[in-house]
Amino acid sequence: MAPSALIGEARAALARGDGIAAEMKLRAALGNGAPRGEVAAWMGEAYLAQGQLAKARSWLEEGGFAPGSAARGWRALARLEQLSGHFEAGQAAFAKARALTPDDPELWVEMGRLDYVRGAHMEAIAAADHALELGPHNARALQFKGQLVRDRYGLAGALPWFEKGIMAAPSDVSLLLDYAATLGDLGRAAQTVTVTRRVLELMPGNPQAYYLQAVIAARAGNFELARSLLTHTEGQLDMVPGVQQLRGVAELALGNPQTAIEAFEAVLRQRPDSRRTKDLLARAIYEAGQLRFATMRFGPDIARDEASPYLLTQVARAYEVLGNRQKAGELLDRAARPAQAQLRVVGRGGPIGRLLAEGQGRAAERAAEAMRQDRPGFFDSQALAGDVQLALGHPAAAQERYALATRVRMPPGLFRRRVEAFLLAGDPKGAQGLVQGYLDQSPQSRSALRAAAGLAMASGDYLRARAILTWLRENGGARDVRLLCDLALVETGLGHRQEAREAAQAAYRLQRFSPDAAQALGFALAVSEEAPGTARALLAKARSMVGETPLIAEGEALLDDVPNAG
């Protein structure tokens, strides 16, 4: 076969995402006399598709591309430099490609992606808009715009962009997967399954499609099916933390704690600070009966005071079974300690975060404002400046900076800080508008639903608060002590004494040394006028841990009116 025909087949393979087939065709072209420059760009892309960066560099770094493939070669080199963390070199390679094909919308998409990764977020948004001007129906441009809209505004706003892209390219697997994932996060399970089945028709064995189906199965509580679907990924996604987390959750639910331990440890190797994963790992280790290992595995976290109350409780239970009741009691006391409100700043491990941690607020402010002026289009610079202002007690100034950051994206952490800033500024309507807008885009966001429940409780709308908290409890929140305590208070406010007592008892069973659980149960019993002695003891227990609170005072006042309450 002629070299040109083989190169054409290689390009078709690359379009399908098949780097191995492309490599084989290109090697055949070389064997049939094709010059190195004619295949270099495509061979580099083939190795990039296979994740073999060193081999890709051997074909791309020298340049020397034939004129017809030079732009693709420079773009491939730019992607390689991006994957290698060499952003300036990536920009230089893109500049060479842009000189050859300035009106290629996909080139502008790739340049925008590099800008986004290096933190120049406003430049990335501008690149996406320019790509759409050049190619209004270009699938890659529409997909990138949808991804940016999802980051900036939320899930629902991204759907029209993905749908427009699919209309332009109905068989584009990458677009279909983005669309399916967004539908899944919106809770549209049936649509997600339909789209992933279409992906599997187009690309049998696609691991991402099986993973998305496994997520849907797990959310429905069908962990057996979730595990079965994950086996179809055939290990191709094992380096993805979310996949391993899902595998661990499924195995734990199915009574295989040792397998779950392996999955959670794999997640922590990539995300060592994930508190959620550490909690799950602690539960798996305890259920596996590895009590001594539980005390050793989490010793460093406990020593650094970085363990969650749940983790402390699990390790305390291990010490208790091992017979060390003193150590167990110490950890339970720490687990019951009221959580201190801590500002989780962007880049808290950096110099500005350290200045805040050391109490040098003014120095942190000067540094943050200098960064903001130097890099106004960077998400981190605006969000960090907002964090500093919030820490200094300037919620209005914090909100101004947060608003600029949300022109790029609004992750859950920033959303929560914006709500806090509104409340500190005495603007509950602003908080309500922010929460409702977030829920309009991401109706199943737990952060937004918890905020909505809190605002409803504060305004006395107990029916709305109850509806939200009940849904959260039934969808993954059955072991959330704070949520159960809030639900107990809401049920009490509605006059549902039995439901209030049941929610408070569930919280207390989960964490007997929690002051929130103790006072919630004590208050529920006081309101129901049942077991007044137990109610008074629980309220006294809570006071000994946190001091006087309005809820404790109200509960004891109720008990004082009950005959023979002592």
Protein backbone atom coordinates (compact mmCIF):
# COMPACT_ATOMS: atom_id res chain seq x y z
CA MET A 1 0.00 0.00 0.00
CA ALA A 2 1.22 3.48 -0.80
CA PRO A 3 2.65 5.46 2.15
CA SER A 4 0.07 8.22 1.69
CA ALA A 5 -2.77 5.71 2.00
CA LEU A 6 -1.26 4.20 5.14
CA ILE A 7 -0.85 7.66 6.67
CA GLY A 8 -4.49 8.34 5.84
CA GLU A 9 -5.53 5.16 7.67
CA ALA A 10 -3.37 6.17 10.63
CA ARG A 11 -5.11 9.54 10.79
CA ALA A 12 -8.49 7.78 10.76
CA ALA A 13 -7.33 5.57 13.63
CA LEU A 14 -6.25 8.65 15.59
CA ALA A 15 -9.68 10.18 15.01
CA ARG A 16 -11.14 7.07 16.68
CA GLY A 17 -8.68 7.38 19.56
CA ASP A 18 -6.83 4.20 18.59
CA GLY A 19 -3.17 5.12 19.05
CA ILE A 20 -1.90 1.56 18.67
CA ALA A 21 -3.52 1.02 15.27
CA ALA A 22 -2.22 4.42 14.16
CA GLU A 23 1.31 3.49 15.21
CA MET A 24 1.18 0.24 13.24
CA LYS A 25 -0.02 2.03 10.08
CA LEU A 26 2.67 4.67 10.40
CA ARG A 27 5.40 2.08 10.85
CA ALA A 28 4.15 0.37 7.71
CA ALA A 29 4.31 3.73 5.90
CA LEU A 30 7.91 4.20 7.03
CA GLY A 31 8.72 0.70 5.85
CA ASN A 32 7.26 1.58 2.44
CA GLY A 33 9.51 4.60 2.08
CA ALA A 34 7.67 7.49 3.76
CA PRO A 35 10.12 10.18 4.99
CA ARG A 36 10.33 10.73 8.75
CA GLY A 37 8.94 14.26 8.42
CA GLU A 38 5.78 12.94 6.77
CA VAL A 39 4.91 10.72 9.74
CA ALA A 40 6.52 12.55 12.70
CA ALA A 41 3.46 14.61 13.68
CA TRP A 42 1.11 11.64 13.45
CA MET A 43 3.49 9.28 15.23
CA GLY A 44 3.80 11.78 18.06
CA GLU A 45 0.00 11.89 18.32
CA ALA A 46 -0.16 8.10 18.26
CA TYR A 47 2.18 7.84 21.22
CA LEU A 48 0.33 10.61 23.06
CA ALA A 49 -2.88 8.61 22.61
CA GLN A 50 -1.12 5.66 24.22
CA GLY A 51 0.21 7.78 27.09
CA GLN A 52 3.83 7.13 26.11
CA LEU A 53 5.21 10.64 26.55
CA ALA A 54 8.90 9.84 26.14
CA LYS A 55 8.32 8.13 22.80
CA ALA A 56 6.08 10.99 21.69
CA ARG A 57 8.84 13.47 22.49
CA SER A 58 11.33 11.55 20.35
CA TRP A 59 9.11 12.25 17.34
CA LEU A 60 7.90 15.75 18.17
CA GLU A 61 10.66 17.66 19.92
CA GLU A 62 12.93 18.06 16.89
CA GLY A 63 10.19 19.58 14.73
CA GLY A 64 11.04 19.00 11.08
CA PHE A 65 7.42 18.26 10.20
CA ALA A 66 6.34 18.10 6.57
CA PRO A 67 4.43 21.27 5.58
CA GLY A 68 1.06 19.51 5.42
CA SER A 69 1.32 18.22 9.00
CA ALA A 70 3.37 20.96 10.67
CA ALA A 71 0.46 22.62 12.45
CA ARG A 72 -0.68 19.27 13.87
CA GLY A 73 2.88 18.51 14.91
CA TRP A 74 3.28 21.74 16.84
CA ARG A 75 -0.10 21.23 18.47
CA ALA A 76 0.88 17.71 19.50
CA LEU A 77 4.14 19.04 20.94
CA ALA A 78 2.21 21.69 22.86
CA ARG A 79 -0.05 19.03 24.38
CA LEU A 80 3.02 16.99 25.28
CA GLU A 81 4.59 19.98 27.03
CA GLN A 82 1.33 20.62 28.87
CA LEU A 83 1.19 17.01 30.08
CA SER A 84 4.81 17.37 31.19
CA GLY A 85 4.07 20.57 33.12
CA HIS A 86 6.13 22.75 30.77
CA PHE A 87 3.56 25.48 30.19
CA GLU A 88 5.85 28.09 28.65
CA ALA A 89 7.20 25.54 26.17
CA GLY A 90 3.61 24.58 25.39
CA GLN A 91 2.69 28.18 24.68
CA ALA A 92 5.70 28.51 22.37
CA ALA A 93 4.66 25.43 20.41
CA PHE A 94 1.10 26.71 20.11
CA ALA A 95 2.42 30.02 18.82
CA LYS A 96 4.13 28.15 15.96
CA ALA A 97 0.90 26.32 15.15
CA ARG A 98 -1.11 29.54 15.29
CA ALA A 99 1.25 31.17 12.78
CA LEU A 100 0.33 28.40 10.33
CA THR A 101 -3.42 28.01 11.03
CA PRO A 102 -4.69 31.09 12.88
CA ASP A 103 -8.35 30.38 12.09
CA ASP A 104 -8.50 26.76 13.26
CA PRO A 105 -11.11 26.60 16.06
CA GLU A 106 -9.67 23.38 17.50
CA LEU A 107 -6.29 25.04 17.86
CA TRP A 108 -7.92 27.78 19.93
CA VAL A 109 -9.64 25.13 22.04
CA GLU A 110 -6.29 23.49 22.78
CA MET A 111 -4.70 26.84 23.59
CA GLY A 112 -7.61 27.56 25.93
CA ARG A 113 -7.15 24.26 27.69
CA LEU A 114 -3.49 25.07 28.29
CA ASP A 115 -4.45 28.49 29.66
CA TYR A 116 -6.96 26.84 31.99
CA VAL A 117 -4.46 24.32 33.31
CA ARG A 118 -1.81 26.99 33.96
CA GLY A 119 -4.37 29.12 35.82
CA ALA A 120 -5.01 31.85 33.24
CA HIS A 121 -8.73 31.24 33.41
CA MET A 122 -10.06 34.40 31.81
CA GLU A 123 -7.71 33.86 28.87
CA ALA A 124 -9.09 30.34 28.55
CA ILE A 125 -12.66 31.67 28.45
CA ALA A 126 -11.68 34.21 25.78
CA ALA A 127 -10.03 31.43 23.73
CA ALA A 128 -13.19 29.33 23.95
CA ASP A 129 -15.33 32.25 22.77
CA HIS A 130 -12.97 32.90 19.86
CA ALA A 131 -13.05 29.22 18.90
CA LEU A 132 -16.84 29.43 18.69
CA GLU A 133 -16.62 32.55 16.55
CA LEU A 134 -14.39 30.64 14.15
CA GLY A 135 -16.44 27.43 14.25
CA PRO A 136 -19.96 27.86 15.67
CA HIS A 137 -20.73 24.17 15.01
CA ASN A 138 -17.33 22.75 15.86
CA ALA A 139 -17.74 19.82 18.28
CA ARG A 140 -14.55 20.49 20.23
CA ALA A 141 -15.35 24.20 20.62
CA LEU A 142 -18.88 23.44 21.82
CA GLN A 143 -17.60 20.79 24.24
CA PHE A 144 -15.00 23.14 25.73
CA LYS A 145 -17.59 25.89 26.13
CA GLY A 146 -19.91 23.43 27.87
CA GLN A 147 -17.14 22.40 30.26
CA LEU A 148 -16.38 26.03 31.11
CA VAL A 149 -20.07 26.82 31.62
CA ARG A 150 -20.35 23.79 33.91
CA ASP A 151 -17.47 25.15 36.01
CA ARG A 152 -18.80 28.73 36.03
CA TYR A 153 -22.56 28.33 36.35
CA GLY A 154 -23.37 24.70 37.07
CA LEU A 155 -24.57 21.50 35.53
CA ALA A 156 -27.85 22.55 33.93
CA GLY A 157 -26.28 25.44 32.03
CA ALA A 158 -23.78 23.12 30.38
CA LEU A 159 -26.37 20.78 28.86
CA PRO A 160 -27.39 22.98 25.90
CA TRP A 161 -23.77 23.31 24.80
CA PHE A 162 -23.18 19.57 24.92
CA GLU A 163 -26.48 18.95 23.13
CA LYS A 164 -25.56 21.40 20.38
CA GLY A 165 -22.20 19.67 20.03
CA ILE A 166 -23.87 16.26 19.74
CA MET A 167 -26.19 17.61 17.05
CA ALA A 168 -23.09 18.66 15.11
CA ALA A 169 -21.23 15.39 15.77
CA PRO A 170 -23.71 12.66 16.84
CA SER A 171 -21.04 9.95 17.07
CA ASP A 172 -18.48 11.94 19.08
CA VAL A 173 -17.71 9.68 22.04
CA SER A 174 -15.93 12.34 24.09
CA LEU A 175 -18.91 14.68 23.85
CA LEU A 176 -21.38 11.93 24.67
CA LEU A 177 -19.42 11.00 27.78
CA ASP A 178 -19.34 14.60 29.01
CA TYR A 179 -23.08 14.82 28.38
CA ALA A 180 -23.74 11.55 30.22
CA ALA A 181 -21.64 12.55 33.22
CA THR A 182 -23.46 15.87 33.51
CA LEU A 183 -26.86 14.17 33.25
CA GLY A 184 -25.81 11.75 35.97
CA ASP A 185 -24.74 14.54 38.32
CA LEU A 186 -28.13 16.15 37.73
CA GLY A 187 -29.81 12.94 38.88
CA ARG A 188 -31.14 11.98 35.45
CA ALA A 189 -30.19 8.34 35.76
CA ALA A 190 -32.27 6.92 32.90
CA GLN A 191 -30.91 9.44 30.41
CA THR A 192 -27.37 8.77 31.58
CA VAL A 193 -27.76 5.05 30.97
CA THR A 194 -29.24 5.69 27.52
CA VAL A 195 -26.32 7.90 26.48
CA THR A 196 -23.69 5.51 27.84
CA ARG A 197 -25.30 2.64 25.93
CA ARG A 198 -24.94 4.72 22.79
CA VAL A 199 -21.25 5.21 23.64
CA LEU A 200 -20.82 1.45 23.98
CA GLU A 201 -22.45 0.94 20.58
CA LEU A 202 -19.96 3.35 19.04
CA MET A 203 -16.95 2.13 21.04
CA PRO A 204 -17.54 -1.31 22.58
CA GLY A 205 -15.75 -1.73 25.89
CA ASN A 206 -15.35 1.99 26.57
CA PRO A 207 -14.31 2.02 30.26
CA GLN A 208 -15.66 5.50 31.01
CA ALA A 209 -19.15 4.46 29.92
CA TYR A 210 -19.08 1.45 32.24
CA TYR A 211 -17.81 3.63 35.09
CA LEU A 212 -20.69 6.09 34.65
CA GLN A 213 -23.16 3.21 34.66
CA ALA A 214 -21.54 1.89 37.83
CA VAL A 215 -21.99 5.28 39.50
CA ILE A 216 -25.69 5.25 38.63
CA ALA A 217 -26.04 1.72 40.03
CA ALA A 218 -24.28 2.66 43.27
CA ARG A 219 -26.45 5.74 43.72
CA ALA A 220 -29.47 3.45 43.43
CA GLY A 221 -28.02 1.17 46.11
CA ASN A 222 -27.30 -1.70 43.70
CA PHE A 223 -23.69 -2.29 44.69
CA GLU A 224 -23.58 -5.77 43.17
CA LEU A 225 -24.34 -4.29 39.75
CA ALA A 226 -21.91 -1.43 40.36
CA ARG A 227 -19.11 -3.90 41.09
CA SER A 228 -19.99 -5.95 38.01
CA LEU A 229 -19.92 -2.88 35.78
CA LEU A 230 -16.56 -1.80 37.18
CA THR A 231 -15.06 -5.14 36.16
CA HIS A 232 -15.85 -4.21 32.55
CA THR A 233 -13.37 -1.31 32.77
CA GLU A 234 -10.66 -4.04 32.79
CA GLY A 235 -8.31 -1.98 34.92
CA GLN A 236 -8.05 0.85 32.39
CA LEU A 237 -9.28 3.41 34.93
CA ASP A 238 -7.54 2.05 38.00
CA MET A 239 -5.40 5.18 38.29
CA VAL A 240 -8.50 7.38 38.54
CA PRO A 241 -9.21 8.12 42.24
CA GLY A 242 -12.96 8.34 41.73
CA VAL A 243 -13.05 4.86 40.24
CA GLN A 244 -11.15 3.36 43.15
CA GLN A 245 -13.34 5.21 45.63
CA LEU A 246 -16.46 3.80 44.02
CA ARG A 247 -14.92 0.32 44.00
CA GLY A 248 -14.13 0.62 47.69
CA VAL A 249 -17.62 1.81 48.59
CA ALA A 250 -19.18 -1.06 46.65
CA GLU A 251 -16.93 -3.70 48.23
CA LEU A 252 -17.55 -2.30 51.70
CA ALA A 253 -21.30 -2.38 51.15
CA LEU A 254 -21.04 -5.97 49.90
CA GLY A 255 -19.16 -7.12 52.99
CA ASN A 256 -15.66 -7.29 51.54
CA PRO A 257 -13.73 -4.86 53.76
CA GLN A 258 -10.26 -6.17 52.82
CA THR A 259 -10.85 -5.44 49.13
CA ALA A 260 -12.28 -2.06 50.12
CA ILE A 261 -9.12 -1.29 52.11
CA GLU A 262 -6.97 -1.85 49.03
CA ALA A 263 -9.16 0.48 46.97
CA PHE A 264 -9.19 3.27 49.55
CA GLU A 265 -5.42 3.05 50.03
CA ALA A 266 -5.04 3.45 46.26
CA VAL A 267 -7.09 6.65 46.44
CA LEU A 268 -5.01 8.01 49.32
CA ARG A 269 -1.78 7.44 47.44
CA GLN A 270 -3.02 10.06 44.99
CA ARG A 271 -5.11 12.17 47.36
CA PRO A 272 -3.42 11.85 50.75
CA ASP A 273 -5.50 14.63 52.32
CA SER A 274 -8.95 13.24 51.46
CA ARG A 275 -10.79 13.13 54.79
CA ARG A 276 -13.77 11.32 53.25
CA THR A 277 -11.54 8.50 52.01
CA LYS A 278 -9.77 8.24 55.37
CA ASP A 279 -13.14 7.89 57.10
CA LEU A 280 -14.14 5.12 54.71
CA LEU A 281 -10.78 3.40 55.16
CA ALA A 282 -11.13 3.53 58.94
CA ARG A 283 -14.53 1.91 58.71
CA ALA A 284 -13.22 -0.80 56.37
CA ILE A 285 -10.24 -1.56 58.62
CA TYR A 286 -12.51 -1.81 61.66
CA GLU A 287 -14.97 -4.08 59.87
CA ALA A 288 -12.06 -6.26 58.72
CA GLY A 289 -11.20 -6.77 62.39
CA GLN A 290 -7.73 -5.25 62.00
CA LEU A 291 -7.98 -3.34 65.26
CA ARG A 292 -4.29 -2.97 66.01
CA PHE A 293 -3.65 -1.82 62.45
CA ALA A 294 -6.42 0.80 62.81
CA THR A 295 -4.62 2.37 65.76
CA MET A 296 -1.30 2.44 63.90
CA ARG A 297 -2.57 3.46 60.45
CA PHE A 298 -4.20 6.64 61.70
CA GLY A 299 -1.77 7.48 64.50
CA PRO A 300 -0.06 10.25 62.49
CA ASP A 301 -3.40 11.87 61.55
CA ILE A 302 -4.48 11.83 65.18
CA ALA A 303 -1.13 13.23 66.34
CA ARG A 304 -1.39 16.11 63.85
CA ASP A 305 -4.99 16.77 64.95
CA GLU A 306 -6.14 16.17 61.36
CA ALA A 307 -8.56 13.33 62.09
CA SER A 308 -12.30 13.86 61.64
CA PRO A 309 -14.69 13.09 64.51
CA TYR A 310 -15.79 9.95 62.65
CA LEU A 311 -12.21 8.75 62.26
CA LEU A 312 -11.48 9.44 65.92
CA THR A 313 -14.58 7.48 66.90
CA GLN A 314 -13.64 4.48 64.75
CA VAL A 315 -10.12 4.34 66.21
CA ALA A 316 -11.53 4.81 69.71
CA ARG A 317 -13.77 1.78 69.15
CA ALA A 318 -10.70 -0.20 68.13
CA TYR A 319 -8.86 0.82 71.31
CA GLU A 320 -11.92 -0.09 73.38
CA VAL A 321 -12.07 -3.62 71.94
CA LEU A 322 -8.33 -3.96 72.50
CA GLY A 323 -8.89 -3.14 76.18
CA ASN A 324 -7.33 0.33 76.25
CA ARG A 325 -10.34 2.18 77.60
CA GLN A 326 -8.32 5.20 78.67
CA LYS A 327 -7.06 5.86 75.14
CA ALA A 328 -10.52 5.19 73.76
CA GLY A 329 -11.99 7.76 76.14
CA GLU A 330 -9.41 10.37 75.18
CA LEU A 331 -10.23 9.97 71.50
CA LEU A 332 -13.97 10.03 72.12
CA ASP A 333 -13.54 13.26 74.06
CA ARG A 334 -11.66 14.73 71.11
CA ALA A 335 -14.34 13.51 68.71
CA ALA A 336 -16.98 15.25 70.80
CA ARG A 337 -15.06 18.52 70.89
CA PRO A 338 -17.00 21.23 69.05
CA ALA A 339 -15.62 21.82 65.60
CA GLN A 340 -13.78 25.11 65.37
CA ALA A 341 -14.80 27.22 62.41
CA GLN A 342 -11.74 27.28 60.24
CA LEU A 343 -11.32 29.18 57.03
CA ARG A 344 -10.17 26.70 54.40
CA VAL A 345 -8.28 29.09 52.17
CA VAL A 346 -7.25 28.45 48.60
CA GLY A 347 -3.56 27.52 48.60
CA ARG A 348 -3.56 27.28 52.41
CA GLY A 349 -0.18 25.57 52.26
CA GLY A 350 1.36 28.52 50.39
CA PRO A 351 2.95 31.64 51.81
CA ILE A 352 -0.30 33.62 52.10
CA GLY A 353 -2.06 30.72 53.78
CA ARG A 354 0.82 30.40 56.23
CA LEU A 355 0.64 34.12 57.02
CA LEU A 356 -3.04 33.74 57.87
CA ALA A 357 -2.35 30.66 59.98
CA GLU A 358 0.30 32.62 61.90
CA GLY A 359 -2.09 35.48 62.57
CA GLN A 360 -0.34 37.93 60.25
CA GLY A 361 -3.52 39.13 58.62
CA ARG A 362 -2.31 42.46 57.31
CA ALA A 363 0.77 40.94 55.71
CA ALA A 364 -1.45 38.28 54.14
CA GLU A 365 -3.75 41.01 52.81
CA ARG A 366 -0.88 42.92 51.20
CA ALA A 367 0.45 39.76 49.57
CA ALA A 368 -2.98 38.66 48.35
CA GLU A 369 -3.83 42.04 46.86
CA ALA A 370 -0.46 42.18 45.09
CA MET A 371 -1.14 38.76 43.58
CA ARG A 372 -4.63 39.83 42.57
CA GLN A 373 -3.33 42.90 40.78
CA ASP A 374 -0.60 40.90 39.08
CA ARG A 375 -2.89 38.05 37.96
CA PRO A 376 -6.44 39.39 37.74
CA GLY A 377 -7.65 36.64 35.41
CA PHE A 378 -6.55 33.78 37.67
CA PHE A 379 -9.20 32.06 39.82
CA ASP A 380 -6.80 31.37 42.69
CA SER A 381 -5.68 34.99 43.04
CA GLN A 382 -9.25 36.31 43.35
CA ALA A 383 -10.50 33.48 45.61
CA LEU A 384 -7.47 33.71 47.90
CA ALA A 385 -7.85 37.48 48.20
CA GLY A 386 -11.48 36.89 49.17
CA ASP A 387 -10.45 34.36 51.80
CA VAL A 388 -8.07 36.86 53.35
CA GLN A 389 -10.76 39.54 53.50
CA LEU A 390 -13.20 37.10 55.07
CA ALA A 391 -10.60 36.10 57.66
CA LEU A 392 -10.08 39.78 58.48
CA GLY A 393 -13.81 40.26 59.05
CA HIS A 394 -14.53 42.17 55.84
CA PRO A 395 -17.36 40.14 54.26
CA ALA A 396 -18.36 42.77 51.70
CA ALA A 397 -14.80 43.05 50.38
CA ALA A 398 -14.55 39.26 50.39
CA GLN A 399 -17.74 39.02 48.35
CA GLU A 400 -16.38 41.39 45.70
CA ARG A 401 -13.33 39.18 45.19
CA TYR A 402 -15.33 35.98 45.32
CA ALA A 403 -17.66 37.32 42.62
CA LEU A 404 -14.66 37.85 40.33
CA ALA A 405 -13.45 34.32 41.08
CA THR A 406 -16.86 32.87 40.20
CA ARG A 407 -16.59 34.33 36.71
CA VAL A 408 -14.34 31.29 36.23
CA ARG A 409 -15.91 28.63 38.47
CA MET A 410 -17.64 28.14 41.81
CA PRO A 411 -16.61 24.88 43.49
CA PRO A 412 -18.49 23.81 46.63
CA GLY A 413 -15.89 25.28 48.98
CA LEU A 414 -16.12 28.73 47.42
CA PHE A 415 -19.91 28.48 47.36
CA ARG A 416 -19.96 27.84 51.11
CA ARG A 417 -17.64 30.79 51.76
CA ARG A 418 -19.84 33.08 49.65
CA VAL A 419 -22.87 32.05 51.70
CA GLU A 420 -20.90 32.73 54.88
CA ALA A 421 -19.83 36.14 53.61
CA PHE A 422 -23.44 37.11 52.87
CA LEU A 423 -24.56 36.04 56.35
CA LEU A 424 -21.68 37.82 58.07
CA ALA A 425 -22.60 40.95 56.14
CA GLY A 426 -26.19 40.68 57.43
CA ASP A 427 -27.57 39.91 53.98
CA PRO A 428 -29.71 36.76 54.24
CA LYS A 429 -31.52 37.66 51.00
CA GLY A 430 -28.19 37.67 49.17
CA ALA A 431 -27.41 34.25 50.66
CA GLN A 432 -30.83 32.96 49.67
CA GLY A 433 -30.41 34.19 46.09
CA LEU A 434 -26.98 32.58 45.82
CA VAL A 435 -28.22 29.26 47.20
CA GLN A 436 -31.28 29.15 44.97
CA GLY A 437 -29.23 30.02 41.90
CA TYR A 438 -26.79 27.24 42.72
CA LEU A 439 -29.61 24.74 43.20
CA ASP A 440 -31.22 25.77 39.91
CA GLN A 441 -28.04 24.61 38.18
CA SER A 442 -27.07 21.72 40.46
CA PRO A 443 -30.25 20.54 42.22
CA GLN A 444 -28.57 17.61 43.98
CA SER A 445 -25.61 19.54 45.40
CA ARG A 446 -25.33 18.51 49.04
CA SER A 447 -23.51 21.72 49.94
CA ALA A 448 -26.29 23.85 48.49
CA LEU A 449 -29.05 21.70 50.00
CA ARG A 450 -27.47 21.93 53.47
CA ALA A 451 -27.19 25.70 53.06
CA ALA A 452 -30.82 25.89 51.92
CA ALA A 453 -31.92 23.86 54.95
CA GLY A 454 -29.95 26.12 57.28
CA LEU A 455 -31.51 29.25 55.79
CA ALA A 456 -34.96 27.70 56.03
CA MET A 457 -34.41 26.82 59.70
CA ALA A 458 -33.19 30.34 60.44
CA SER A 459 -36.30 31.83 58.85
CA GLY A 460 -38.69 29.43 60.59
CA ASP A 461 -39.67 27.57 57.42
CA TYR A 462 -39.52 24.15 59.06
CA LEU A 463 -41.52 22.38 56.37
CA ARG A 464 -38.93 23.26 53.71
CA ALA A 465 -36.06 22.44 56.06
CA ARG A 466 -37.64 19.08 56.89
CA ALA A 467 -38.14 18.19 53.21
CA ILE A 468 -34.51 18.97 52.40
CA LEU A 469 -32.99 17.26 55.44
CA THR A 470 -35.15 14.16 54.99
CA TRP A 471 -34.03 13.83 51.37
CA LEU A 472 -30.39 14.24 52.39
CA ARG A 473 -30.73 11.63 55.12
CA GLU A 474 -32.30 9.15 52.71
CA ASN A 475 -29.65 9.79 50.08
CA GLY A 476 -26.38 9.13 51.84
CA GLY A 477 -26.79 11.12 55.03
CA ALA A 478 -27.97 8.43 57.43
CA ARG A 479 -24.64 8.57 59.31
CA ASP A 480 -24.29 12.37 59.34
CA VAL A 481 -24.63 13.30 63.01
CA ARG A 482 -25.02 17.04 62.43
CA LEU A 483 -27.70 16.47 59.80
CA LEU A 484 -29.65 14.16 62.09
CA CYS A 485 -29.45 16.69 64.91
CA ASP A 486 -30.77 19.44 62.65
CA LEU A 487 -33.57 17.15 61.51
CA ALA A 488 -34.49 16.42 65.13
CA LEU A 489 -34.77 20.15 65.86
CA VAL A 490 -36.89 20.72 62.77
CA GLU A 491 -39.22 17.85 63.68
CA THR A 492 -39.53 19.34 67.16
CA GLY A 493 -40.41 22.71 65.67
CA LEU A 494 -43.16 21.05 63.64
CA GLY A 495 -44.54 19.28 66.71
CA HIS A 496 -43.47 15.83 65.49
CA ARG A 497 -42.25 14.55 68.85
CA GLN A 498 -41.72 10.91 67.92
CA GLU A 499 -39.88 11.72 64.69
CA ALA A 500 -37.70 14.23 66.55
CA ARG A 501 -36.82 11.66 69.19
CA GLU A 502 -35.98 9.03 66.56
CA ALA A 503 -33.69 11.35 64.61
CA ALA A 504 -31.92 12.48 67.79
CA GLN A 505 -31.54 8.89 69.00
CA ALA A 506 -30.00 7.92 65.65
CA ALA A 507 -27.47 10.76 66.00
CA TYR A 508 -26.67 9.78 69.59
CA ARG A 509 -26.17 6.12 68.69
CA LEU A 510 -23.66 7.16 66.04
CA GLN A 511 -21.68 9.46 68.32
CA ARG A 512 -22.50 9.22 72.02
CA PHE A 513 -19.86 11.76 72.95
CA SER A 514 -21.11 14.43 70.55
CA PRO A 515 -22.45 17.51 72.36
CA ASP A 516 -24.73 18.20 69.38
CA ALA A 517 -26.25 14.73 69.65
CA ALA A 518 -26.53 14.90 73.44
CA GLN A 519 -28.32 18.22 73.49
CA ALA A 520 -30.55 17.30 70.52
CA LEU A 521 -31.70 14.10 72.22
CA GLY A 522 -32.00 15.79 75.59
CA PHE A 523 -34.12 18.55 74.07
CA ALA A 524 -36.31 16.09 72.15
CA LEU A 525 -36.97 14.12 75.33
CA ALA A 526 -37.69 17.31 77.26
CA VAL A 527 -40.23 18.42 74.66
CA SER A 528 -41.92 15.02 74.65
CA GLU A 529 -42.02 15.03 78.48
CA GLU A 530 -40.71 11.46 78.45
CA ALA A 531 -37.80 10.26 80.54
CA PRO A 532 -37.17 13.69 82.10
CA GLY A 533 -34.31 12.36 84.19
CA THR A 534 -32.53 11.09 81.09
CA ALA A 535 -33.24 14.37 79.32
CA ARG A 536 -31.71 16.40 82.16
CA ALA A 537 -28.65 14.14 82.25
CA LEU A 538 -28.12 14.51 78.51
CA LEU A 539 -28.43 18.29 78.68
CA ALA A 540 -25.98 18.40 81.58
CA LYS A 541 -23.59 16.20 79.60
CA ALA A 542 -23.76 18.56 76.65
CA ARG A 543 -23.16 21.59 78.92
CA SER A 544 -20.07 19.96 80.40
CA MET A 545 -18.61 19.77 76.89
CA VAL A 546 -19.66 23.07 75.29
CA GLY A 547 -21.01 25.26 78.09
CA GLU A 548 -24.40 26.91 78.09
CA THR A 549 -26.32 27.08 74.80
CA PRO A 550 -29.80 28.46 74.04
CA LEU A 551 -31.01 24.93 73.28
CA ILE A 552 -29.78 23.53 76.59
CA ALA A 553 -31.33 26.44 78.49
CA GLU A 554 -34.66 26.00 76.71
CA GLY A 555 -34.66 22.26 77.33
CA GLU A 556 -33.97 22.67 81.05
CA ALA A 557 -36.68 25.33 81.30
CA LEU A 558 -39.14 22.83 79.86
CA LEU A 559 -38.00 20.21 82.37
CA ASP A 560 -38.47 22.63 85.24
CA ASP A 561 -42.15 22.75 84.32
CA VAL A 562 -42.50 18.95 84.36
CA PRO A 563 -43.69 17.51 87.70
CA ASN A 564 -41.18 15.15 89.32
CA ALA A 565 -38.64 15.88 86.59
CA GLY A 566 -35.78 15.25 88.90
